[in-house]
Amino acid sequence: DRVPISTKAVVSTQSTGESVGHITQAITNYGLPNIALAFNGGKDCTVLLHLVHIALSRLGLNNSGIVTLCIETDEVFPELNNFIEQSASLYRLNLVRKVGKIKDALFELKEAMPHISAVLMGTRSTDPYSAALRTFTPCDSGWPELMRVSPILTWSYAEVWRFIQELNVPYCSLYDVGYTSLGNVNNTRPNPALLAEDGISYKPAHFLTDSTLERAGRR
């Protein structure tokens, strides 16, 4: 079925409009067939995925078959793996799964698809090593010759969840049981800041009010 879009949410915030504009600019600069989308099933990539859908819909384009690079480890949460597959089906993505490091996966992508010139990423400036990034940032020397496009770079944690809730965007079920940042099964736990009053269960991720604790469940 076609993914539903709420026009109310499309224009509800300045951040949303700017992000759709960045995606549109990338499509104009590089052409849709030459763009890949990075998607690992996390909340930020989920927002990016739906923003891409919105941008393409406004341009009258179809996102069916867009190259979508999923970089993962061997210890993927089953819930996350299921959500990735469901998203690929819902948004009709051309899912390319790679296990390993980002650099190696991008090299493999570029070798297999040399026409790819840019990769849309769900990076936010609060992510590790991302504070100095710009929305359009070429890969560093020694990396594949690709433009990294980060349309939600300036988004806050609260804005991410507001967008998901306003549009009723599907997301990984782990966020409903206290996870706020997803790694793998060995380095990720529910966020201790969301421990409920019963001392056993955890509140959903959107209840986190201190964004500096977003990665408190990672180790």
C-alpha atoms as a PDB file:
ATOM      1  CA  ASP A   1       0.000   0.000   0.000  1.00  0.00           C
ATOM      2  CA  ARG A   2       1.032   3.579  -0.550  1.00  0.00           C
ATOM      3  CA  VAL A   3       2.753   5.188   2.436  1.00  0.00           C
ATOM      4  CA  PRO A   4       0.428   7.844   3.894  1.00  0.00           C
ATOM      5  CA  ILE A   5       1.632  11.451   4.143  1.00  0.00           C
ATOM      6  CA  SER A   6       0.264  14.147   6.451  1.00  0.00           C
ATOM      7  CA  THR A   7       0.482  17.524   4.716  1.00  0.00           C
ATOM      8  CA  LYS A   8      -0.030  19.153   8.117  1.00  0.00           C
ATOM      9  CA  ALA A   9       3.241  17.680   9.386  1.00  0.00           C
ATOM     10  CA  VAL A  10       5.118  18.495   6.197  1.00  0.00           C
ATOM     11  CA  VAL A  11       4.898  22.202   6.956  1.00  0.00           C
ATOM     12  CA  SER A  12       4.564  22.048  10.745  1.00  0.00           C
ATOM     13  CA  THR A  13       8.163  22.999  11.562  1.00  0.00           C
ATOM     14  CA  GLN A  14      10.983  24.983  10.007  1.00  0.00           C
ATOM     15  CA  SER A  15      13.280  21.977  10.426  1.00  0.00           C
ATOM     16  CA  THR A  16      10.997  19.754   8.349  1.00  0.00           C
ATOM     17  CA  GLY A  17      10.804  22.265   5.515  1.00  0.00           C
ATOM     18  CA  GLU A  18      14.553  22.813   5.506  1.00  0.00           C
ATOM     19  CA  SER A  19      15.259  19.076   5.476  1.00  0.00           C
ATOM     20  CA  VAL A  20      12.896  18.463   2.558  1.00  0.00           C
ATOM     21  CA  GLY A  21      14.671  21.331   0.804  1.00  0.00           C
ATOM     22  CA  HIS A  22      18.077  19.713   1.348  1.00  0.00           C
ATOM     23  CA  ILE A  23      16.825  16.417  -0.083  1.00  0.00           C
ATOM     24  CA  THR A  24      15.331  18.232  -3.066  1.00  0.00           C
ATOM     25  CA  GLN A  25      18.631  20.015  -3.638  1.00  0.00           C
ATOM     26  CA  ALA A  26      20.497  16.695  -3.577  1.00  0.00           C
ATOM     27  CA  ILE A  27      18.111  15.225  -6.139  1.00  0.00           C
ATOM     28  CA  THR A  28      18.571  18.299  -8.329  1.00  0.00           C
ATOM     29  CA  ASN A  29      22.368  18.216  -8.014  1.00  0.00           C
ATOM     30  CA  TYR A  30      22.983  14.506  -8.504  1.00  0.00           C
ATOM     31  CA  GLY A  31      19.828  12.961  -9.955  1.00  0.00           C
ATOM     32  CA  LEU A  32      17.747  10.400  -8.100  1.00  0.00           C
ATOM     33  CA  PRO A  33      19.337   7.323  -9.777  1.00  0.00           C
ATOM     34  CA  ASN A  34      22.750   8.491  -8.532  1.00  0.00           C
ATOM     35  CA  ILE A  35      21.732   8.822  -4.877  1.00  0.00           C
ATOM     36  CA  ALA A  36      21.765   6.126  -2.214  1.00  0.00           C
ATOM     37  CA  LEU A  37      19.985   6.242   1.121  1.00  0.00           C
ATOM     38  CA  ALA A  38      21.655   4.971   4.307  1.00  0.00           C
ATOM     39  CA  PHE A  39      19.129   3.194   6.527  1.00  0.00           C
ATOM     40  CA  ASN A  40      19.806   1.068   9.603  1.00  0.00           C
ATOM     41  CA  GLY A  41      16.340   1.109  11.140  1.00  0.00           C
ATOM     42  CA  GLY A  42      17.157   3.659  13.849  1.00  0.00           C
ATOM     43  CA  LYS A  43      14.886   6.581  14.654  1.00  0.00           C
ATOM     44  CA  ASP A  44      16.981   9.172  12.802  1.00  0.00           C
ATOM     45  CA  CYS A  45      17.196   7.104   9.620  1.00  0.00           C
ATOM     46  CA  THR A  46      13.481   6.412   9.935  1.00  0.00           C
ATOM     47  CA  VAL A  47      12.789  10.151   9.934  1.00  0.00           C
ATOM     48  CA  LEU A  48      15.109  10.588   6.954  1.00  0.00           C
ATOM     49  CA  LEU A  49      13.389   7.787   5.049  1.00  0.00           C
ATOM     50  CA  HIS A  50       9.991   9.416   5.449  1.00  0.00           C
ATOM     51  CA  LEU A  51      11.373  12.849   4.585  1.00  0.00           C
ATOM     52  CA  VAL A  52      12.743  11.379   1.349  1.00  0.00           C
ATOM     53  CA  HIS A  53       9.297   9.955   0.635  1.00  0.00           C
ATOM     54  CA  ILE A  54       7.756  13.381   1.246  1.00  0.00           C
ATOM     55  CA  ALA A  55      10.295  15.166  -0.956  1.00  0.00           C
ATOM     56  CA  LEU A  56       9.816  12.720  -3.818  1.00  0.00           C
ATOM     57  CA  SER A  57       6.039  12.921  -3.545  1.00  0.00           C
ATOM     58  CA  ARG A  58       6.183  16.719  -3.757  1.00  0.00           C
ATOM     59  CA  LEU A  59       8.377  16.395  -6.858  1.00  0.00           C
ATOM     60  CA  GLY A  60       5.987  13.898  -8.399  1.00  0.00           C
ATOM     61  CA  LEU A  61       8.641  11.191  -8.292  1.00  0.00           C
ATOM     62  CA  ASN A  62       8.424   7.592  -7.123  1.00  0.00           C
ATOM     63  CA  ASN A  63      10.845   6.342  -4.460  1.00  0.00           C
ATOM     64  CA  SER A  64      10.281   2.743  -5.567  1.00  0.00           C
ATOM     65  CA  GLY A  65      13.640   1.027  -5.958  1.00  0.00           C
ATOM     66  CA  ILE A  66      15.849   3.726  -4.448  1.00  0.00           C
ATOM     67  CA  VAL A  67      19.196   2.159  -3.507  1.00  0.00           C
ATOM     68  CA  THR A  68      19.160   1.803   0.278  1.00  0.00           C
ATOM     69  CA  LEU A  69      22.346   0.828   2.057  1.00  0.00           C
ATOM     70  CA  CYS A  70      21.884  -0.977   5.370  1.00  0.00           C
ATOM     71  CA  ILE A  71      25.149  -1.333   7.305  1.00  0.00           C
ATOM     72  CA  GLU A  72      24.899  -3.668  10.282  1.00  0.00           C
ATOM     73  CA  THR A  73      26.781  -5.993  12.587  1.00  0.00           C
ATOM     74  CA  ASP A  74      26.393  -9.708  13.130  1.00  0.00           C
ATOM     75  CA  GLU A  75      24.521  -9.079  16.393  1.00  0.00           C
ATOM     76  CA  VAL A  76      21.447  -7.269  15.066  1.00  0.00           C
ATOM     77  CA  PHE A  77      18.377  -7.078  17.300  1.00  0.00           C
ATOM     78  CA  PRO A  78      15.662  -9.342  15.819  1.00  0.00           C
ATOM     79  CA  GLU A  79      13.157  -6.506  16.286  1.00  0.00           C
ATOM     80  CA  LEU A  80      15.409  -4.142  14.352  1.00  0.00           C
ATOM     81  CA  ASN A  81      15.976  -6.657  11.575  1.00  0.00           C
ATOM     82  CA  ASN A  82      12.217  -7.180  11.222  1.00  0.00           C
ATOM     83  CA  PHE A  83      11.590  -3.436  11.110  1.00  0.00           C
ATOM     84  CA  ILE A  84      14.212  -2.951   8.382  1.00  0.00           C
ATOM     85  CA  GLU A  85      12.563  -5.623   6.247  1.00  0.00           C
ATOM     86  CA  GLN A  86       9.089  -4.166   6.856  1.00  0.00           C
ATOM     87  CA  SER A  87      10.305  -0.689   5.899  1.00  0.00           C
ATOM     88  CA  ALA A  88      11.929  -1.997   2.722  1.00  0.00           C
ATOM     89  CA  SER A  89       8.607  -3.521   1.735  1.00  0.00           C
ATOM     90  CA  LEU A  90       6.471  -0.542   2.769  1.00  0.00           C
ATOM     91  CA  TYR A  91       8.607   2.063   1.000  1.00  0.00           C
ATOM     92  CA  ARG A  92       9.571  -0.303  -1.859  1.00  0.00           C
ATOM     93  CA  LEU A  93      13.301   0.104  -1.310  1.00  0.00           C
ATOM     94  CA  ASN A  94      16.139  -1.593  -3.148  1.00  0.00           C
ATOM     95  CA  LEU A  95      17.755  -2.811   0.078  1.00  0.00           C
ATOM     96  CA  VAL A  96      21.481  -3.529  -0.038  1.00  0.00           C
ATOM     97  CA  ARG A  97      22.670  -5.094   3.228  1.00  0.00           C
ATOM     98  CA  LYS A  98      26.326  -4.977   4.274  1.00  0.00           C
ATOM     99  CA  VAL A  99      27.934  -6.314   7.439  1.00  0.00           C
ATOM    100  CA  GLY A 100      30.933  -4.441   8.786  1.00  0.00           C
ATOM    101  CA  LYS A 101      32.271  -0.899   9.004  1.00  0.00           C
ATOM    102  CA  ILE A 102      30.781   2.113   7.250  1.00  0.00           C
ATOM    103  CA  LYS A 103      33.944   2.842   5.261  1.00  0.00           C
ATOM    104  CA  ASP A 104      34.181  -0.681   3.883  1.00  0.00           C
ATOM    105  CA  ALA A 105      30.469  -0.771   3.045  1.00  0.00           C
ATOM    106  CA  LEU A 106      30.689   2.513   1.134  1.00  0.00           C
ATOM    107  CA  PHE A 107      33.682   1.251  -0.840  1.00  0.00           C
ATOM    108  CA  GLU A 108      31.748  -1.895  -1.735  1.00  0.00           C
ATOM    109  CA  LEU A 109      28.724   0.165  -2.745  1.00  0.00           C
ATOM    110  CA  LYS A 110      30.804   2.476  -4.922  1.00  0.00           C
ATOM    111  CA  GLU A 111      32.560  -0.456  -6.566  1.00  0.00           C
ATOM    112  CA  ALA A 112      29.288  -2.244  -7.332  1.00  0.00           C
ATOM    113  CA  MET A 113      27.447   0.944  -8.325  1.00  0.00           C
ATOM    114  CA  PRO A 114      30.035   3.493  -9.538  1.00  0.00           C
ATOM    115  CA  HIS A 115      27.286   5.864 -10.669  1.00  0.00           C
ATOM    116  CA  ILE A 116      26.317   6.578  -7.050  1.00  0.00           C
ATOM    117  CA  SER A 117      27.560  10.085  -6.269  1.00  0.00           C
ATOM    118  CA  ALA A 118      25.827  10.957  -2.995  1.00  0.00           C
ATOM    119  CA  VAL A 119      24.510   9.199   0.086  1.00  0.00           C
ATOM    120  CA  LEU A 120      21.663  10.553   2.205  1.00  0.00           C
ATOM    121  CA  MET A 121      22.395   9.947   5.891  1.00  0.00           C
ATOM    122  CA  GLY A 122      20.421  10.361   9.099  1.00  0.00           C
ATOM    123  CA  THR A 123      23.347  11.914  10.945  1.00  0.00           C
ATOM    124  CA  ARG A 124      22.653  14.563  13.589  1.00  0.00           C
ATOM    125  CA  SER A 125      25.247  17.009  14.905  1.00  0.00           C
ATOM    126  CA  THR A 126      24.983  15.472  18.389  1.00  0.00           C
ATOM    127  CA  ASP A 127      26.172  12.106  17.057  1.00  0.00           C
ATOM    128  CA  PRO A 128      29.804  11.161  17.781  1.00  0.00           C
ATOM    129  CA  TYR A 129      32.334  12.972  15.531  1.00  0.00           C
ATOM    130  CA  SER A 130      29.545  14.900  13.778  1.00  0.00           C
ATOM    131  CA  ALA A 131      29.646  18.357  15.364  1.00  0.00           C
ATOM    132  CA  ALA A 132      31.720  19.869  12.556  1.00  0.00           C
ATOM    133  CA  LEU A 133      29.773  18.358   9.667  1.00  0.00           C
ATOM    134  CA  ARG A 134      27.843  20.425   7.151  1.00  0.00           C
ATOM    135  CA  THR A 135      24.660  19.318   5.411  1.00  0.00           C
ATOM    136  CA  PHE A 136      26.690  18.610   2.256  1.00  0.00           C
ATOM    137  CA  THR A 137      30.101  17.205   3.238  1.00  0.00           C
ATOM    138  CA  PRO A 138      32.369  15.217   0.909  1.00  0.00           C
ATOM    139  CA  CYS A 139      33.796  12.012   2.334  1.00  0.00           C
ATOM    140  CA  ASP A 140      37.247  12.408   3.858  1.00  0.00           C
ATOM    141  CA  SER A 141      40.453  11.561   2.032  1.00  0.00           C
ATOM    142  CA  GLY A 142      40.920   7.804   1.897  1.00  0.00           C
ATOM    143  CA  TRP A 143      37.173   7.214   1.708  1.00  0.00           C
ATOM    144  CA  PRO A 144      35.060   6.631  -1.421  1.00  0.00           C
ATOM    145  CA  GLU A 145      34.430   9.694  -3.579  1.00  0.00           C
ATOM    146  CA  LEU A 146      30.917  10.407  -2.349  1.00  0.00           C
ATOM    147  CA  MET A 147      28.976  13.397  -1.076  1.00  0.00           C
ATOM    148  CA  ARG A 148      27.487  12.800   2.354  1.00  0.00           C
ATOM    149  CA  VAL A 149      24.150  14.581   2.613  1.00  0.00           C
ATOM    150  CA  SER A 150      22.744  14.966   6.134  1.00  0.00           C
ATOM    151  CA  PRO A 151      19.294  16.596   5.860  1.00  0.00           C
ATOM    152  CA  ILE A 152      18.458  16.319   9.594  1.00  0.00           C
ATOM    153  CA  LEU A 153      21.871  17.409  10.869  1.00  0.00           C
ATOM    154  CA  THR A 154      20.455  20.203  13.044  1.00  0.00           C
ATOM    155  CA  TRP A 155      17.465  18.294  14.424  1.00  0.00           C
ATOM    156  CA  SER A 156      17.098  17.786  18.150  1.00  0.00           C
ATOM    157  CA  TYR A 157      16.067  14.542  19.838  1.00  0.00           C
ATOM    158  CA  ALA A 158      12.674  16.071  20.630  1.00  0.00           C
ATOM    159  CA  GLU A 159      12.135  17.130  17.005  1.00  0.00           C
ATOM    160  CA  VAL A 160      12.815  13.587  15.825  1.00  0.00           C
ATOM    161  CA  TRP A 161      10.100  12.167  18.052  1.00  0.00           C
ATOM    162  CA  ARG A 162       7.678  15.001  17.337  1.00  0.00           C
ATOM    163  CA  PHE A 163       7.959  14.267  13.614  1.00  0.00           C
ATOM    164  CA  ILE A 164       7.442  10.522  14.097  1.00  0.00           C
ATOM    165  CA  GLN A 165       4.409  11.072  16.295  1.00  0.00           C
ATOM    166  CA  GLU A 166       2.806  13.787  14.162  1.00  0.00           C
ATOM    167  CA  LEU A 167       2.962  11.667  11.029  1.00  0.00           C
ATOM    168  CA  ASN A 168       2.400   8.362  12.818  1.00  0.00           C
ATOM    169  CA  VAL A 169       5.533   7.072  11.082  1.00  0.00           C
ATOM    170  CA  PRO A 170       6.250   3.374  11.757  1.00  0.00           C
ATOM    171  CA  TYR A 171       9.359   2.840  13.908  1.00  0.00           C
ATOM    172  CA  CYS A 172      11.257   0.005  15.573  1.00  0.00           C
ATOM    173  CA  SER A 173       9.411  -1.468  18.558  1.00  0.00           C
ATOM    174  CA  LEU A 174      12.542  -1.333  20.743  1.00  0.00           C
ATOM    175  CA  TYR A 175      11.891   2.370  21.244  1.00  0.00           C
ATOM    176  CA  ASP A 176       8.696   1.497  23.090  1.00  0.00           C
ATOM    177  CA  VAL A 177      10.584  -0.420  25.780  1.00  0.00           C
ATOM    178  CA  GLY A 178      13.182   2.117  26.835  1.00  0.00           C
ATOM    179  CA  TYR A 179      15.798   2.043  24.090  1.00  0.00           C
ATOM    180  CA  THR A 180      16.771   5.526  22.908  1.00  0.00           C
ATOM    181  CA  SER A 181      19.822   4.789  20.719  1.00  0.00           C
ATOM    182  CA  LEU A 182      20.310   1.478  18.938  1.00  0.00           C
ATOM    183  CA  GLY A 183      23.589  -0.330  18.459  1.00  0.00           C
ATOM    184  CA  ASN A 184      23.752  -4.114  18.619  1.00  0.00           C
ATOM    185  CA  VAL A 185      22.588  -6.669  21.177  1.00  0.00           C
ATOM    186  CA  ASN A 186      25.962  -6.621  22.937  1.00  0.00           C
ATOM    187  CA  ASN A 187      26.420  -2.875  23.417  1.00  0.00           C
ATOM    188  CA  THR A 188      22.888  -1.557  23.832  1.00  0.00           C
ATOM    189  CA  ARG A 189      20.509  -1.606  26.773  1.00  0.00           C
ATOM    190  CA  PRO A 190      17.319   0.268  27.694  1.00  0.00           C
ATOM    191  CA  ASN A 191      18.125   3.784  28.826  1.00  0.00           C
ATOM    192  CA  PRO A 192      18.397   3.844  32.654  1.00  0.00           C
ATOM    193  CA  ALA A 193      16.927   7.361  32.629  1.00  0.00           C
ATOM    194  CA  LEU A 194      13.636   5.814  31.467  1.00  0.00           C
ATOM    195  CA  LEU A 195      13.331   3.196  34.201  1.00  0.00           C
ATOM    196  CA  ALA A 196       9.697   3.236  35.368  1.00  0.00           C
ATOM    197  CA  GLU A 197       8.506   3.609  38.932  1.00  0.00           C
ATOM    198  CA  ASP A 198       8.102  -0.165  39.295  1.00  0.00           C
ATOM    199  CA  GLY A 199      11.862  -0.524  38.888  1.00  0.00           C
ATOM    200  CA  ILE A 200      11.378  -3.190  36.215  1.00  0.00           C
ATOM    201  CA  SER A 201       9.845  -1.763  33.052  1.00  0.00           C
ATOM    202  CA  TYR A 202      10.970   1.206  30.956  1.00  0.00           C
ATOM    203  CA  LYS A 203       9.098   4.154  29.491  1.00  0.00           C
ATOM    204  CA  PRO A 204       9.082   4.718  25.703  1.00  0.00           C
ATOM    205  CA  ALA A 205      11.929   6.661  24.138  1.00  0.00           C
ATOM    206  CA  HIS A 206       9.916   9.808  23.508  1.00  0.00           C
ATOM    207  CA  PHE A 207       9.595  10.320  27.286  1.00  0.00           C
ATOM    208  CA  LEU A 208      13.282  11.207  27.553  1.00  0.00           C
ATOM    209  CA  THR A 209      13.508  14.919  28.373  1.00  0.00           C
ATOM    210  CA  ASP A 210      17.278  15.292  28.779  1.00  0.00           C
ATOM    211  CA  SER A 211      18.678  14.811  25.280  1.00  0.00           C
ATOM    212  CA  THR A 212      22.244  14.620  26.626  1.00  0.00           C
ATOM    213  CA  LEU A 213      21.275  11.157  27.930  1.00  0.00           C
ATOM    214  CA  GLU A 214      20.195   9.867  24.512  1.00  0.00           C
ATOM    215  CA  ARG A 215      23.110   7.419  24.363  1.00  0.00           C
ATOM    216  CA  ALA A 216      23.038   6.470  28.047  1.00  0.00           C
ATOM    217  CA  GLY A 217      22.020   2.927  27.123  1.00  0.00           C
ATOM    218  CA  ARG A 218      25.067   2.426  24.862  1.00  0.00           C
ATOM    219  CA  ARG A 219      28.400   1.068  26.042  1.00  0.00           C
END
